mmCIF file of all heavy atoms, coordinates in Angstrom:
data_MODEL
# 
_entry.id   MODEL 
# 
loop_
_atom_site.group_PDB 
_atom_site.id 
_atom_site.type_symbol 
_atom_site.label_atom_id 
_atom_site.label_alt_id 
_atom_site.label_comp_id 
_atom_site.label_asym_id 
_atom_site.label_entity_id 
_atom_site.label_seq_id 
_atom_site.pdbx_PDB_ins_code 
_atom_site.Cartn_x 
_atom_site.Cartn_y 
_atom_site.Cartn_z 
_atom_site.occupancy 
_atom_site.B_iso_or_equiv 
_atom_site.pdbx_formal_charge 
_atom_site.auth_seq_id 
_atom_site.auth_comp_id 
_atom_site.auth_asym_id 
_atom_site.auth_atom_id 
_atom_site.pdbx_PDB_model_num 
ATOM 1   N N   . ARG A 1 1  ? 77.173 121.880 80.196 1.00 0.00 ? 1  ARG A N   1 
ATOM 2   C CA  . ARG A 1 1  ? 76.989 123.106 79.362 1.00 0.00 ? 1  ARG A CA  1 
ATOM 3   C C   . ARG A 1 1  ? 77.749 123.007 78.088 1.00 0.00 ? 1  ARG A C   1 
ATOM 4   O O   . ARG A 1 1  ? 77.337 123.276 77.008 1.00 0.00 ? 1  ARG A O   1 
ATOM 5   C CB  . ARG A 1 1  ? 77.346 124.346 80.161 1.00 0.00 ? 1  ARG A CB  1 
ATOM 6   C CG  . ARG A 1 1  ? 76.394 124.663 81.258 1.00 0.00 ? 1  ARG A CG  1 
ATOM 7   C CD  . ARG A 1 1  ? 76.678 126.010 81.862 1.00 0.00 ? 1  ARG A CD  1 
ATOM 8   N NE  . ARG A 1 1  ? 78.037 126.006 82.526 1.00 0.00 ? 1  ARG A NE  1 
ATOM 9   C CZ  . ARG A 1 1  ? 78.220 126.110 83.827 1.00 0.00 ? 1  ARG A CZ  1 
ATOM 10  N NH1 . ARG A 1 1  ? 77.172 126.185 84.687 1.00 0.00 ? 1  ARG A NH1 1 
ATOM 11  N NH2 . ARG A 1 1  ? 79.445 126.104 84.337 1.00 0.00 ? 1  ARG A NH2 1 
ATOM 12  N N   . SER A 1 2  ? 79.073 122.587 78.230 1.00 0.00 ? 2  SER A N   1 
ATOM 13  C CA  . SER A 1 2  ? 79.911 122.402 77.052 1.00 0.00 ? 2  SER A CA  1 
ATOM 14  C C   . SER A 1 2  ? 80.990 121.353 77.156 1.00 0.00 ? 2  SER A C   1 
ATOM 15  O O   . SER A 1 2  ? 81.518 120.943 76.172 1.00 0.00 ? 2  SER A O   1 
ATOM 16  C CB  . SER A 1 2  ? 80.570 123.777 76.742 1.00 0.00 ? 2  SER A CB  1 
ATOM 17  O OG  . SER A 1 2  ? 81.511 124.165 77.790 1.00 0.00 ? 2  SER A OG  1 
ATOM 18  N N   . THR A 1 3  ? 81.327 120.921 78.373 1.00 0.00 ? 3  THR A N   1 
ATOM 19  C CA  . THR A 1 3  ? 82.484 120.020 78.544 1.00 0.00 ? 3  THR A CA  1 
ATOM 20  C C   . THR A 1 3  ? 82.200 118.808 79.397 1.00 0.00 ? 3  THR A C   1 
ATOM 21  O O   . THR A 1 3  ? 81.566 118.928 80.514 1.00 0.00 ? 3  THR A O   1 
ATOM 22  C CB  . THR A 1 3  ? 83.648 120.852 79.196 1.00 0.00 ? 3  THR A CB  1 
ATOM 23  O OG1 . THR A 1 3  ? 83.908 121.993 78.395 1.00 0.00 ? 3  THR A OG1 1 
ATOM 24  C CG2 . THR A 1 3  ? 84.917 119.985 79.285 1.00 0.00 ? 3  THR A CG2 1 
ATOM 25  N N   . VAL A 1 4  ? 82.671 117.605 78.969 1.00 0.00 ? 4  VAL A N   1 
ATOM 26  C CA  . VAL A 1 4  ? 82.638 116.422 79.745 1.00 0.00 ? 4  VAL A CA  1 
ATOM 27  C C   . VAL A 1 4  ? 84.097 115.977 79.759 1.00 0.00 ? 4  VAL A C   1 
ATOM 28  O O   . VAL A 1 4  ? 84.708 115.922 78.728 1.00 0.00 ? 4  VAL A O   1 
ATOM 29  C CB  . VAL A 1 4  ? 81.761 115.404 79.110 1.00 0.00 ? 4  VAL A CB  1 
ATOM 30  C CG1 . VAL A 1 4  ? 81.859 114.015 79.903 1.00 0.00 ? 4  VAL A CG1 1 
ATOM 31  C CG2 . VAL A 1 4  ? 80.269 115.828 79.192 1.00 0.00 ? 4  VAL A CG2 1 
ATOM 32  N N   . ARG A 1 5  ? 84.597 115.533 80.949 1.00 0.00 ? 5  ARG A N   1 
ATOM 33  C CA  . ARG A 1 5  ? 85.947 115.136 81.073 1.00 0.00 ? 5  ARG A CA  1 
ATOM 34  C C   . ARG A 1 5  ? 86.027 113.765 81.764 1.00 0.00 ? 5  ARG A C   1 
ATOM 35  O O   . ARG A 1 5  ? 85.312 113.528 82.735 1.00 0.00 ? 5  ARG A O   1 
ATOM 36  C CB  . ARG A 1 5  ? 86.772 116.080 81.822 1.00 0.00 ? 5  ARG A CB  1 
ATOM 37  C CG  . ARG A 1 5  ? 88.246 115.821 81.959 1.00 0.00 ? 5  ARG A CG  1 
ATOM 38  C CD  . ARG A 1 5  ? 88.997 116.926 82.581 1.00 0.00 ? 5  ARG A CD  1 
ATOM 39  N NE  . ARG A 1 5  ? 88.811 116.893 83.985 1.00 0.00 ? 5  ARG A NE  1 
ATOM 40  C CZ  . ARG A 1 5  ? 89.579 117.550 84.893 1.00 0.00 ? 5  ARG A CZ  1 
ATOM 41  N NH1 . ARG A 1 5  ? 90.608 118.194 84.439 1.00 0.00 ? 5  ARG A NH1 1 
ATOM 42  N NH2 . ARG A 1 5  ? 89.333 117.491 86.115 1.00 0.00 ? 5  ARG A NH2 1 
ATOM 43  N N   . VAL A 1 6  ? 86.908 112.824 81.254 1.00 0.00 ? 6  VAL A N   1 
ATOM 44  C CA  . VAL A 1 6  ? 87.080 111.550 81.873 1.00 0.00 ? 6  VAL A CA  1 
ATOM 45  C C   . VAL A 1 6  ? 88.538 111.519 82.353 1.00 0.00 ? 6  VAL A C   1 
ATOM 46  O O   . VAL A 1 6  ? 89.438 111.832 81.679 1.00 0.00 ? 6  VAL A O   1 
ATOM 47  C CB  . VAL A 1 6  ? 86.847 110.431 80.905 1.00 0.00 ? 6  VAL A CB  1 
ATOM 48  C CG1 . VAL A 1 6  ? 87.149 109.062 81.530 1.00 0.00 ? 6  VAL A CG1 1 
ATOM 49  C CG2 . VAL A 1 6  ? 85.473 110.444 80.343 1.00 0.00 ? 6  VAL A CG2 1 
ATOM 50  N N   . VAL A 1 7  ? 88.674 111.149 83.634 1.00 0.00 ? 7  VAL A N   1 
ATOM 51  C CA  . VAL A 1 7  ? 90.004 111.123 84.341 1.00 0.00 ? 7  VAL A CA  1 
ATOM 52  C C   . VAL A 1 7  ? 90.209 109.725 84.829 1.00 0.00 ? 7  VAL A C   1 
ATOM 53  O O   . VAL A 1 7  ? 89.320 109.151 85.552 1.00 0.00 ? 7  VAL A O   1 
ATOM 54  C CB  . VAL A 1 7  ? 90.044 112.153 85.467 1.00 0.00 ? 7  VAL A CB  1 
ATOM 55  C CG1 . VAL A 1 7  ? 91.421 112.009 86.196 1.00 0.00 ? 7  VAL A CG1 1 
ATOM 56  C CG2 . VAL A 1 7  ? 89.830 113.515 85.024 1.00 0.00 ? 7  VAL A CG2 1 
ATOM 57  N N   . LEU A 1 8  ? 91.291 109.044 84.517 1.00 0.00 ? 8  LEU A N   1 
ATOM 58  C CA  . LEU A 1 8  ? 91.639 107.705 84.986 1.00 0.00 ? 8  LEU A CA  1 
ATOM 59  C C   . LEU A 1 8  ? 92.837 107.914 85.906 1.00 0.00 ? 8  LEU A C   1 
ATOM 60  O O   . LEU A 1 8  ? 93.847 108.464 85.528 1.00 0.00 ? 8  LEU A O   1 
ATOM 61  C CB  . LEU A 1 8  ? 92.004 106.840 83.735 1.00 0.00 ? 8  LEU A CB  1 
ATOM 62  C CG  . LEU A 1 8  ? 92.389 105.409 84.071 1.00 0.00 ? 8  LEU A CG  1 
ATOM 63  C CD1 . LEU A 1 8  ? 91.243 104.667 84.772 1.00 0.00 ? 8  LEU A CD1 1 
ATOM 64  C CD2 . LEU A 1 8  ? 92.829 104.695 82.836 1.00 0.00 ? 8  LEU A CD2 1 
ATOM 65  N N   . ALA A 1 9  ? 92.738 107.352 87.083 1.00 0.00 ? 9  ALA A N   1 
ATOM 66  C CA  . ALA A 1 9  ? 93.863 107.486 88.052 1.00 0.00 ? 9  ALA A CA  1 
ATOM 67  C C   . ALA A 1 9  ? 93.982 106.271 89.017 1.00 0.00 ? 9  ALA A C   1 
ATOM 68  O O   . ALA A 1 9  ? 92.982 105.487 89.108 1.00 0.00 ? 9  ALA A O   1 
ATOM 69  C CB  . ALA A 1 9  ? 93.657 108.734 88.917 1.00 0.00 ? 9  ALA A CB  1 
ATOM 70  N N   . LEU A 1 10 ? 95.055 106.101 89.639 1.00 0.00 ? 10 LEU A N   1 
ATOM 71  C CA  . LEU A 1 10 ? 95.207 105.087 90.662 1.00 0.00 ? 10 LEU A CA  1 
ATOM 72  C C   . LEU A 1 10 ? 95.005 105.798 92.040 1.00 0.00 ? 10 LEU A C   1 
ATOM 73  O O   . LEU A 1 10 ? 95.475 106.951 92.206 1.00 0.00 ? 10 LEU A O   1 
ATOM 74  C CB  . LEU A 1 10 ? 96.622 104.474 90.653 1.00 0.00 ? 10 LEU A CB  1 
ATOM 75  C CG  . LEU A 1 10 ? 96.856 103.511 89.531 1.00 0.00 ? 10 LEU A CG  1 
ATOM 76  C CD1 . LEU A 1 10 ? 98.304 103.021 89.603 1.00 0.00 ? 10 LEU A CD1 1 
ATOM 77  C CD2 . LEU A 1 10 ? 95.986 102.257 89.714 1.00 0.00 ? 10 LEU A CD2 1 
ATOM 78  N N   . GLU A 1 11 ? 94.321 105.086 92.903 1.00 0.00 ? 11 GLU A N   1 
ATOM 79  C CA  . GLU A 1 11 ? 94.078 105.632 94.281 1.00 0.00 ? 11 GLU A CA  1 
ATOM 80  C C   . GLU A 1 11 ? 95.470 105.575 94.916 1.00 0.00 ? 11 GLU A C   1 
ATOM 81  O O   . GLU A 1 11 ? 96.295 104.656 94.676 1.00 0.00 ? 11 GLU A O   1 
ATOM 82  C CB  . GLU A 1 11 ? 93.169 104.662 94.977 1.00 0.00 ? 11 GLU A CB  1 
ATOM 83  C CG  . GLU A 1 11 ? 92.747 105.183 96.343 1.00 0.00 ? 11 GLU A CG  1 
ATOM 84  C CD  . GLU A 1 11 ? 91.624 104.247 96.915 1.00 0.00 ? 11 GLU A CD  1 
ATOM 85  O OE1 . GLU A 1 11 ? 91.947 103.081 97.232 1.00 0.00 ? 11 GLU A OE1 1 
ATOM 86  O OE2 . GLU A 1 11 ? 90.548 104.692 97.118 1.00 0.00 ? 11 GLU A OE2 1 
ATOM 87  N N   . PRO A 1 12 ? 95.739 106.577 95.783 1.00 0.00 ? 12 PRO A N   1 
ATOM 88  C CA  . PRO A 1 12 ? 97.012 106.566 96.503 1.00 0.00 ? 12 PRO A CA  1 
ATOM 89  C C   . PRO A 1 12 ? 97.216 105.201 97.220 1.00 0.00 ? 12 PRO A C   1 
ATOM 90  O O   . PRO A 1 12 ? 96.312 104.741 97.861 1.00 0.00 ? 12 PRO A O   1 
ATOM 91  C CB  . PRO A 1 12 ? 96.863 107.695 97.536 1.00 0.00 ? 12 PRO A CB  1 
ATOM 92  C CG  . PRO A 1 12 ? 95.939 108.585 96.844 1.00 0.00 ? 12 PRO A CG  1 
ATOM 93  C CD  . PRO A 1 12 ? 94.978 107.771 96.119 1.00 0.00 ? 12 PRO A CD  1 
ATOM 94  N N   . GLY A 1 13 ? 98.354 104.557 97.040 1.00 0.00 ? 13 GLY A N   1 
ATOM 95  C CA  . GLY A 1 13 ? 98.623 103.305 97.593 1.00 0.00 ? 13 GLY A CA  1 
ATOM 96  C C   . GLY A 1 13 ? 98.388 102.186 96.595 1.00 0.00 ? 13 GLY A C   1 
ATOM 97  O O   . GLY A 1 13 ? 98.753 101.029 96.830 1.00 0.00 ? 13 GLY A O   1 
ATOM 98  N N   . GLY A 1 14 ? 97.709 102.485 95.491 1.00 0.00 ? 14 GLY A N   1 
ATOM 99  C CA  . GLY A 1 14 ? 97.481 101.523 94.437 1.00 0.00 ? 14 GLY A CA  1 
ATOM 100 C C   . GLY A 1 14 ? 96.407 100.467 94.667 1.00 0.00 ? 14 GLY A C   1 
ATOM 101 O O   . GLY A 1 14 ? 96.311 99.512  93.950 1.00 0.00 ? 14 GLY A O   1 
ATOM 102 N N   . GLY A 1 15 ? 95.612 100.671 95.649 1.00 0.00 ? 15 GLY A N   1 
ATOM 103 C CA  . GLY A 1 15 ? 94.554 99.701  95.964 1.00 0.00 ? 15 GLY A CA  1 
ATOM 104 C C   . GLY A 1 15 ? 93.375 99.690  95.076 1.00 0.00 ? 15 GLY A C   1 
ATOM 105 O O   . GLY A 1 15 ? 92.611 98.681  95.066 1.00 0.00 ? 15 GLY A O   1 
ATOM 106 N N   . ALA A 1 16 ? 93.158 100.761 94.331 1.00 0.00 ? 16 ALA A N   1 
ATOM 107 C CA  . ALA A 1 16 ? 92.001 100.860 93.491 1.00 0.00 ? 16 ALA A CA  1 
ATOM 108 C C   . ALA A 1 16 ? 92.247 101.731 92.298 1.00 0.00 ? 16 ALA A C   1 
ATOM 109 O O   . ALA A 1 16 ? 93.123 102.590 92.292 1.00 0.00 ? 16 ALA A O   1 
ATOM 110 C CB  . ALA A 1 16 ? 90.830 101.464 94.283 1.00 0.00 ? 16 ALA A CB  1 
ATOM 111 N N   . VAL A 1 17 ? 91.477 101.495 91.186 1.00 0.00 ? 17 VAL A N   1 
ATOM 112 C CA  . VAL A 1 17 ? 91.484 102.309 90.056 1.00 0.00 ? 17 VAL A CA  1 
ATOM 113 C C   . VAL A 1 17 ? 90.323 103.228 90.061 1.00 0.00 ? 17 VAL A C   1 
ATOM 114 O O   . VAL A 1 17 ? 89.209 102.802 90.445 1.00 0.00 ? 17 VAL A O   1 
ATOM 115 C CB  . VAL A 1 17 ? 91.411 101.431 88.800 1.00 0.00 ? 17 VAL A CB  1 
ATOM 116 C CG1 . VAL A 1 17 ? 91.274 102.302 87.491 1.00 0.00 ? 17 VAL A CG1 1 
ATOM 117 C CG2 . VAL A 1 17 ? 92.653 100.515 88.643 1.00 0.00 ? 17 VAL A CG2 1 
ATOM 118 N N   . LEU A 1 18 ? 90.526 104.509 89.820 1.00 0.00 ? 18 LEU A N   1 
ATOM 119 C CA  . LEU A 1 18 ? 89.461 105.537 89.864 1.00 0.00 ? 18 LEU A CA  1 
ATOM 120 C C   . LEU A 1 18 ? 89.195 106.031 88.404 1.00 0.00 ? 18 LEU A C   1 
ATOM 121 O O   . LEU A 1 18 ? 90.126 106.385 87.732 1.00 0.00 ? 18 LEU A O   1 
ATOM 122 C CB  . LEU A 1 18 ? 89.800 106.710 90.749 1.00 0.00 ? 18 LEU A CB  1 
ATOM 123 C CG  . LEU A 1 18 ? 90.239 106.304 92.148 1.00 0.00 ? 18 LEU A CG  1 
ATOM 124 C CD1 . LEU A 1 18 ? 90.756 107.541 92.877 1.00 0.00 ? 18 LEU A CD1 1 
ATOM 125 C CD2 . LEU A 1 18 ? 89.095 105.674 92.954 1.00 0.00 ? 18 LEU A CD2 1 
ATOM 126 N N   . VAL A 1 19 ? 87.886 106.027 88.052 1.00 0.00 ? 19 VAL A N   1 
ATOM 127 C CA  . VAL A 1 19 ? 87.446 106.582 86.805 1.00 0.00 ? 19 VAL A CA  1 
ATOM 128 C C   . VAL A 1 19 ? 86.478 107.685 87.147 1.00 0.00 ? 19 VAL A C   1 
ATOM 129 O O   . VAL A 1 19 ? 85.423 107.435 87.670 1.00 0.00 ? 19 VAL A O   1 
ATOM 130 C CB  . VAL A 1 19 ? 86.820 105.544 85.879 1.00 0.00 ? 19 VAL A CB  1 
ATOM 131 C CG1 . VAL A 1 19 ? 86.441 106.158 84.510 1.00 0.00 ? 19 VAL A CG1 1 
ATOM 132 C CG2 . VAL A 1 19 ? 87.732 104.390 85.626 1.00 0.00 ? 19 VAL A CG2 1 
ATOM 133 N N   . ARG A 1 20 ? 86.890 108.913 86.805 1.00 0.00 ? 20 ARG A N   1 
ATOM 134 C CA  . ARG A 1 20 ? 86.031 110.080 87.097 1.00 0.00 ? 20 ARG A CA  1 
ATOM 135 C C   . ARG A 1 20 ? 85.389 110.560 85.776 1.00 0.00 ? 20 ARG A C   1 
ATOM 136 O O   . ARG A 1 20 ? 86.078 110.742 84.832 1.00 0.00 ? 20 ARG A O   1 
ATOM 137 C CB  . ARG A 1 20 ? 86.729 111.202 87.756 1.00 0.00 ? 20 ARG A CB  1 
ATOM 138 C CG  . ARG A 1 20 ? 87.204 110.918 89.144 1.00 0.00 ? 20 ARG A CG  1 
ATOM 139 C CD  . ARG A 1 20 ? 87.957 112.043 89.648 1.00 0.00 ? 20 ARG A CD  1 
ATOM 140 N NE  . ARG A 1 20 ? 88.269 111.813 91.071 1.00 0.00 ? 20 ARG A NE  1 
ATOM 141 C CZ  . ARG A 1 20 ? 88.388 112.696 91.978 1.00 0.00 ? 20 ARG A CZ  1 
ATOM 142 N NH1 . ARG A 1 20 ? 88.200 113.983 91.628 1.00 0.00 ? 20 ARG A NH1 1 
ATOM 143 N NH2 . ARG A 1 20 ? 88.646 112.388 93.187 1.00 0.00 ? 20 ARG A NH2 1 
ATOM 144 N N   . VAL A 1 21 ? 84.122 110.872 85.787 1.00 0.00 ? 21 VAL A N   1 
ATOM 145 C CA  . VAL A 1 21 ? 83.421 111.512 84.770 1.00 0.00 ? 21 VAL A CA  1 
ATOM 146 C C   . VAL A 1 21 ? 82.868 112.797 85.277 1.00 0.00 ? 21 VAL A C   1 
ATOM 147 O O   . VAL A 1 21 ? 82.010 112.812 86.125 1.00 0.00 ? 21 VAL A O   1 
ATOM 148 C CB  . VAL A 1 21 ? 82.250 110.577 84.145 1.00 0.00 ? 21 VAL A CB  1 
ATOM 149 C CG1 . VAL A 1 21 ? 81.537 111.348 83.048 1.00 0.00 ? 21 VAL A CG1 1 
ATOM 150 C CG2 . VAL A 1 21 ? 82.823 109.277 83.692 1.00 0.00 ? 21 VAL A CG2 1 
ATOM 151 N N   . GLU A 1 22 ? 83.474 113.916 84.758 1.00 0.00 ? 22 GLU A N   1 
ATOM 152 C CA  . GLU A 1 22 ? 83.166 115.245 85.296 1.00 0.00 ? 22 GLU A CA  1 
ATOM 153 C C   . GLU A 1 22 ? 82.455 116.000 84.150 1.00 0.00 ? 22 GLU A C   1 
ATOM 154 O O   . GLU A 1 22 ? 82.680 115.795 82.987 1.00 0.00 ? 22 GLU A O   1 
ATOM 155 C CB  . GLU A 1 22 ? 84.383 115.979 85.750 1.00 0.00 ? 22 GLU A CB  1 
ATOM 156 C CG  . GLU A 1 22 ? 85.104 115.192 86.853 1.00 0.00 ? 22 GLU A CG  1 
ATOM 157 C CD  . GLU A 1 22 ? 86.547 115.760 87.092 1.00 0.00 ? 22 GLU A CD  1 
ATOM 158 O OE1 . GLU A 1 22 ? 87.018 116.534 86.232 1.00 0.00 ? 22 GLU A OE1 1 
ATOM 159 O OE2 . GLU A 1 22 ? 87.101 115.427 88.061 1.00 0.00 ? 22 GLU A OE2 1 
ATOM 160 N N   . HIS A 1 23 ? 81.626 117.008 84.586 1.00 0.00 ? 23 HIS A N   1 
ATOM 161 C CA  . HIS A 1 23 ? 80.994 117.900 83.615 1.00 0.00 ? 23 HIS A CA  1 
ATOM 162 C C   . HIS A 1 23 ? 80.888 119.325 84.168 1.00 0.00 ? 23 HIS A C   1 
ATOM 163 O O   . HIS A 1 23 ? 81.015 119.508 85.381 1.00 0.00 ? 23 HIS A O   1 
ATOM 164 C CB  . HIS A 1 23 ? 79.635 117.398 83.190 1.00 0.00 ? 23 HIS A CB  1 
ATOM 165 C CG  . HIS A 1 23 ? 78.650 117.206 84.297 1.00 0.00 ? 23 HIS A CG  1 
ATOM 166 N ND1 . HIS A 1 23 ? 77.875 118.316 84.772 1.00 0.00 ? 23 HIS A ND1 1 
ATOM 167 C CD2 . HIS A 1 23 ? 78.348 116.155 85.064 1.00 0.00 ? 23 HIS A CD2 1 
ATOM 168 C CE1 . HIS A 1 23 ? 77.138 117.886 85.795 1.00 0.00 ? 23 HIS A CE1 1 
ATOM 169 N NE2 . HIS A 1 23 ? 77.403 116.651 85.967 1.00 0.00 ? 23 HIS A NE2 1 
ATOM 170 N N   . ASP A 1 24 ? 80.664 120.272 83.300 1.00 0.00 ? 24 ASP A N   1 
ATOM 171 C CA  . ASP A 1 24 ? 80.567 121.688 83.757 1.00 0.00 ? 24 ASP A CA  1 
ATOM 172 C C   . ASP A 1 24 ? 79.145 122.176 83.862 1.00 0.00 ? 24 ASP A C   1 
ATOM 173 O O   . ASP A 1 24 ? 78.857 123.388 83.730 1.00 0.00 ? 24 ASP A O   1 
ATOM 174 C CB  . ASP A 1 24 ? 81.384 122.557 82.782 1.00 0.00 ? 24 ASP A CB  1 
ATOM 175 C CG  . ASP A 1 24 ? 80.752 122.607 81.386 1.00 0.00 ? 24 ASP A CG  1 
ATOM 176 O OD1 . ASP A 1 24 ? 79.851 121.797 81.103 1.00 0.00 ? 24 ASP A OD1 1 
ATOM 177 O OD2 . ASP A 1 24 ? 81.241 123.371 80.580 1.00 0.00 ? 24 ASP A OD2 1 
ATOM 178 N N   . GLY A 1 25 ? 78.243 121.222 84.116 1.00 0.00 ? 25 GLY A N   1 
ATOM 179 C CA  . GLY A 1 25 ? 76.863 121.583 84.186 1.00 0.00 ? 25 GLY A CA  1 
ATOM 180 C C   . GLY A 1 25 ? 76.341 121.954 85.599 1.00 0.00 ? 25 GLY A C   1 
ATOM 181 O O   . GLY A 1 25 ? 77.108 122.357 86.480 1.00 0.00 ? 25 GLY A O   1 
ATOM 182 N N   . ARG A 1 26 ? 75.087 121.661 85.838 1.00 0.00 ? 26 ARG A N   1 
ATOM 183 C CA  . ARG A 1 26 ? 74.470 121.939 87.127 1.00 0.00 ? 26 ARG A CA  1 
ATOM 184 C C   . ARG A 1 26 ? 75.096 121.109 88.242 1.00 0.00 ? 26 ARG A C   1 
ATOM 185 O O   . ARG A 1 26 ? 75.140 119.951 88.159 1.00 0.00 ? 26 ARG A O   1 
ATOM 186 C CB  . ARG A 1 26 ? 72.968 121.687 87.062 1.00 0.00 ? 26 ARG A CB  1 
ATOM 187 C CG  . ARG A 1 26 ? 72.220 122.478 86.059 1.00 0.00 ? 26 ARG A CG  1 
ATOM 188 C CD  . ARG A 1 26 ? 70.784 122.191 86.067 1.00 0.00 ? 26 ARG A CD  1 
ATOM 189 N NE  . ARG A 1 26 ? 70.473 120.772 86.316 1.00 0.00 ? 26 ARG A NE  1 
ATOM 190 C CZ  . ARG A 1 26 ? 69.932 120.000 85.358 1.00 0.00 ? 26 ARG A CZ  1 
ATOM 191 N NH1 . ARG A 1 26 ? 69.758 120.404 84.212 1.00 0.00 ? 26 ARG A NH1 1 
ATOM 192 N NH2 . ARG A 1 26 ? 69.702 118.768 85.711 1.00 0.00 ? 26 ARG A NH2 1 
# 
C-alpha cells in the first residue's frame, strides 16, 4: 500500500544470513 522494508539479519547461532523483504499490502 505504501511501504516496503528490507531487513538483513544473522540467524541465531550465525549459521545463516537472513534477508527479509516485507510490505504493508495484502
